[in-house]
Amino acid sequence: MSGHLPNQAPPAEVERLLFVTEFDAENFTEVRHEVDAHIRQCQIPPEKAADFVAAVNEVMINAVRHGGGRGVLRLWRDVHLQCEVRDHGPGFVAERYLNRDRRPNPSAEGGMGLWIVQHTTDLLSIVSGAAGTTVVIGAALPPPAPPGETR
């Protein structure tokens, strides 16, 4: 887990903000494509980048479906590439969806998407309550290239 609390911005001196936007069902696809473009510039291996985009997509879907129909997405890089999605829905008991080793059975309550997110990202944090939900996911970034070497 990152040392940042999901309800606080990362310290400015280590953060490189890449993208911030509001989203809803109308601009969902456009936002996902913008996130994908930023992620691919972070020199993450293609398969890991695709997994991260899929995880961001799932978290955004959850915000639209269960979190009031809209959300705010923030993408930044520090030691990890991180994406935060906030919504203003009714919240849920997040602990039921975290740290599960076994694939959940399909149910009306869902949970399969968060299980996939947990298994395709390097970090997952969920804070949820009556004022909404904040989900932060992250992917480890490759170490910087030595001086004079390009990747």
Protein backbone atom coordinates (compact mmCIF):
# COMPACT_ATOMS: atom_id res chain seq x y z
CA MET A 1 0.00 0.00 0.00
CA SER A 2 1.07 3.53 -0.62
CA GLY A 3 1.68 5.77 2.34
CA HIS A 4 -0.98 8.21 1.13
CA LEU A 5 -4.35 8.21 2.77
CA PRO A 6 -7.09 8.01 0.13
CA ASN A 7 -8.83 11.13 1.45
CA GLN A 8 -5.68 13.22 1.21
CA ALA A 9 -3.71 14.37 -1.77
CA PRO A 10 -0.18 12.97 -2.05
CA PRO A 11 2.53 15.41 -1.00
CA ALA A 12 3.14 17.85 -3.86
CA GLU A 13 6.90 17.31 -3.87
CA VAL A 14 6.56 13.62 -4.86
CA GLU A 15 3.41 13.79 -6.95
CA ARG A 16 3.22 14.30 -10.66
CA LEU A 17 -0.41 14.89 -11.47
CA LEU A 18 -1.28 13.49 -14.89
CA PHE A 19 -5.02 13.95 -15.23
CA VAL A 20 -8.11 15.05 -13.26
CA THR A 21 -11.68 15.02 -14.51
CA GLU A 22 -15.29 14.42 -13.64
CA PHE A 23 -17.05 11.57 -15.41
CA ASP A 24 -20.50 10.08 -15.87
CA ALA A 25 -22.17 7.70 -18.32
CA GLU A 26 -22.01 10.33 -21.09
CA ASN A 27 -18.22 10.83 -21.13
CA PHE A 28 -17.16 7.50 -19.62
CA THR A 29 -15.49 6.11 -22.76
CA GLU A 30 -13.68 9.37 -23.51
CA VAL A 31 -12.26 9.50 -19.98
CA ARG A 32 -11.14 5.85 -20.15
CA HIS A 33 -9.29 6.56 -23.42
CA GLU A 34 -7.60 9.60 -21.87
CA VAL A 35 -6.51 7.51 -18.86
CA ASP A 36 -5.16 4.85 -21.23
CA ALA A 37 -3.10 7.43 -23.12
CA HIS A 38 -1.53 8.71 -19.88
CA ILE A 39 -0.83 5.22 -18.56
CA ARG A 40 0.92 4.15 -21.75
CA GLN A 41 3.33 7.10 -21.37
CA CYS A 42 4.49 5.77 -17.96
CA GLN A 43 6.64 3.01 -19.48
CA ILE A 44 4.67 0.23 -17.82
CA PRO A 45 4.86 -3.09 -19.70
CA PRO A 46 1.92 -3.33 -22.15
CA GLU A 47 0.16 -6.23 -20.40
CA LYS A 48 0.35 -4.49 -17.02
CA ALA A 49 -0.85 -1.23 -18.59
CA ALA A 50 -3.84 -3.03 -20.10
CA ASP A 51 -4.66 -4.60 -16.71
CA PHE A 52 -4.47 -1.18 -15.06
CA VAL A 53 -6.79 0.40 -17.64
CA ALA A 54 -9.24 -2.47 -17.10
CA ALA A 55 -9.07 -1.91 -13.33
CA VAL A 56 -9.68 1.84 -13.74
CA ASN A 57 -12.59 1.00 -16.02
CA GLU A 58 -14.13 -1.29 -13.38
CA VAL A 59 -13.80 1.31 -10.63
CA MET A 60 -15.39 3.95 -12.86
CA ILE A 61 -18.25 1.56 -13.71
CA ASN A 62 -18.85 1.03 -10.00
CA ALA A 63 -19.01 4.79 -9.41
CA VAL A 64 -21.58 5.22 -12.19
CA ARG A 65 -23.68 2.17 -11.23
CA HIS A 66 -23.50 2.30 -7.45
CA GLY A 67 -22.10 5.72 -6.57
CA GLY A 68 -24.64 8.22 -7.73
CA GLY A 69 -24.05 8.12 -11.48
CA ARG A 70 -20.90 10.19 -11.59
CA GLY A 71 -17.45 10.50 -10.10
CA VAL A 72 -14.16 12.34 -10.06
CA LEU A 73 -11.02 10.64 -11.34
CA ARG A 74 -7.48 11.70 -10.51
CA LEU A 75 -4.41 10.02 -12.00
CA TRP A 76 -0.90 10.70 -10.72
CA ARG A 77 2.51 9.13 -10.45
CA ASP A 78 4.95 8.92 -7.59
CA VAL A 79 6.56 5.61 -6.68
CA HIS A 80 3.45 4.03 -8.20
CA LEU A 81 1.10 5.04 -10.93
CA GLN A 82 -2.07 5.74 -8.94
CA CYS A 83 -5.68 6.41 -9.80
CA GLU A 84 -8.27 7.70 -7.38
CA VAL A 85 -11.99 7.53 -8.12
CA ARG A 86 -14.42 9.31 -5.81
CA ASP A 87 -18.19 9.22 -5.87
CA HIS A 88 -21.03 10.53 -3.71
CA GLY A 89 -23.10 7.37 -3.49
CA PRO A 90 -24.47 5.72 -0.34
CA GLY A 91 -21.28 3.77 0.34
CA PHE A 92 -20.85 0.10 1.22
CA VAL A 93 -18.94 -2.13 3.64
CA ALA A 94 -15.60 -2.16 1.84
CA GLU A 95 -13.94 -4.75 4.08
CA ARG A 96 -16.16 -7.45 2.56
CA TYR A 97 -14.48 -6.85 -0.79
CA LEU A 98 -10.83 -6.52 0.21
CA ASN A 99 -8.13 -9.16 0.61
CA ARG A 100 -10.14 -12.04 -0.79
CA ASP A 101 -8.06 -14.90 -2.14
CA ARG A 102 -10.95 -16.88 -3.57
CA ARG A 103 -12.98 -15.74 -6.52
CA PRO A 104 -16.42 -14.64 -5.30
CA ASN A 105 -19.61 -16.30 -6.47
CA PRO A 106 -21.68 -14.13 -8.79
CA SER A 107 -24.38 -12.29 -6.87
CA ALA A 108 -26.80 -9.40 -7.18
CA GLU A 109 -24.53 -7.39 -4.84
CA GLY A 110 -21.57 -7.70 -7.19
CA GLY A 111 -18.01 -7.82 -5.96
CA MET A 112 -16.45 -9.71 -8.85
CA GLY A 113 -15.13 -6.45 -10.34
CA LEU A 114 -13.35 -5.42 -7.16
CA TRP A 115 -11.87 -8.91 -6.89
CA ILE A 116 -10.48 -8.51 -10.41
CA VAL A 117 -9.17 -5.02 -9.55
CA GLN A 118 -7.45 -6.44 -6.45
CA HIS A 119 -5.75 -9.14 -8.52
CA THR A 120 -4.67 -6.94 -11.44
CA THR A 121 -3.19 -4.00 -9.53
CA ASP A 122 -0.36 -3.63 -7.04
CA LEU A 123 -2.41 -1.73 -4.50
CA LEU A 124 -6.05 -1.20 -3.68
CA SER A 125 -7.53 1.02 -1.01
CA ILE A 126 -11.23 1.64 -0.43
CA VAL A 127 -12.76 4.12 1.99
CA SER A 128 -16.55 4.13 1.91
CA GLY A 129 -19.32 5.67 3.94
CA ALA A 130 -22.53 7.65 3.77
CA ALA A 131 -20.78 10.57 1.99
CA GLY A 132 -19.45 8.37 -0.81
CA THR A 133 -16.61 6.07 -1.74
CA THR A 134 -12.97 6.69 -2.59
CA VAL A 135 -11.05 3.95 -4.34
CA VAL A 136 -7.32 4.22 -4.98
CA ILE A 137 -5.53 1.69 -7.15
CA GLY A 138 -1.87 1.60 -8.06
CA ALA A 139 0.68 -0.06 -10.27
CA ALA A 140 4.38 -0.15 -9.53
CA LEU A 141 6.42 1.84 -12.00
CA PRO A 142 9.66 0.50 -13.46
CA PRO A 143 12.79 2.00 -11.89
CA PRO A 144 14.11 5.10 -13.63
CA ALA A 145 16.63 4.52 -16.39
CA PRO A 146 20.24 5.25 -15.44
CA PRO A 147 21.51 8.67 -16.59
CA GLY A 148 22.18 8.68 -20.31
CA GLU A 149 20.06 5.57 -20.99
CA THR A 150 16.69 5.85 -22.68
CA ARG A 151 13.81 3.40 -22.59
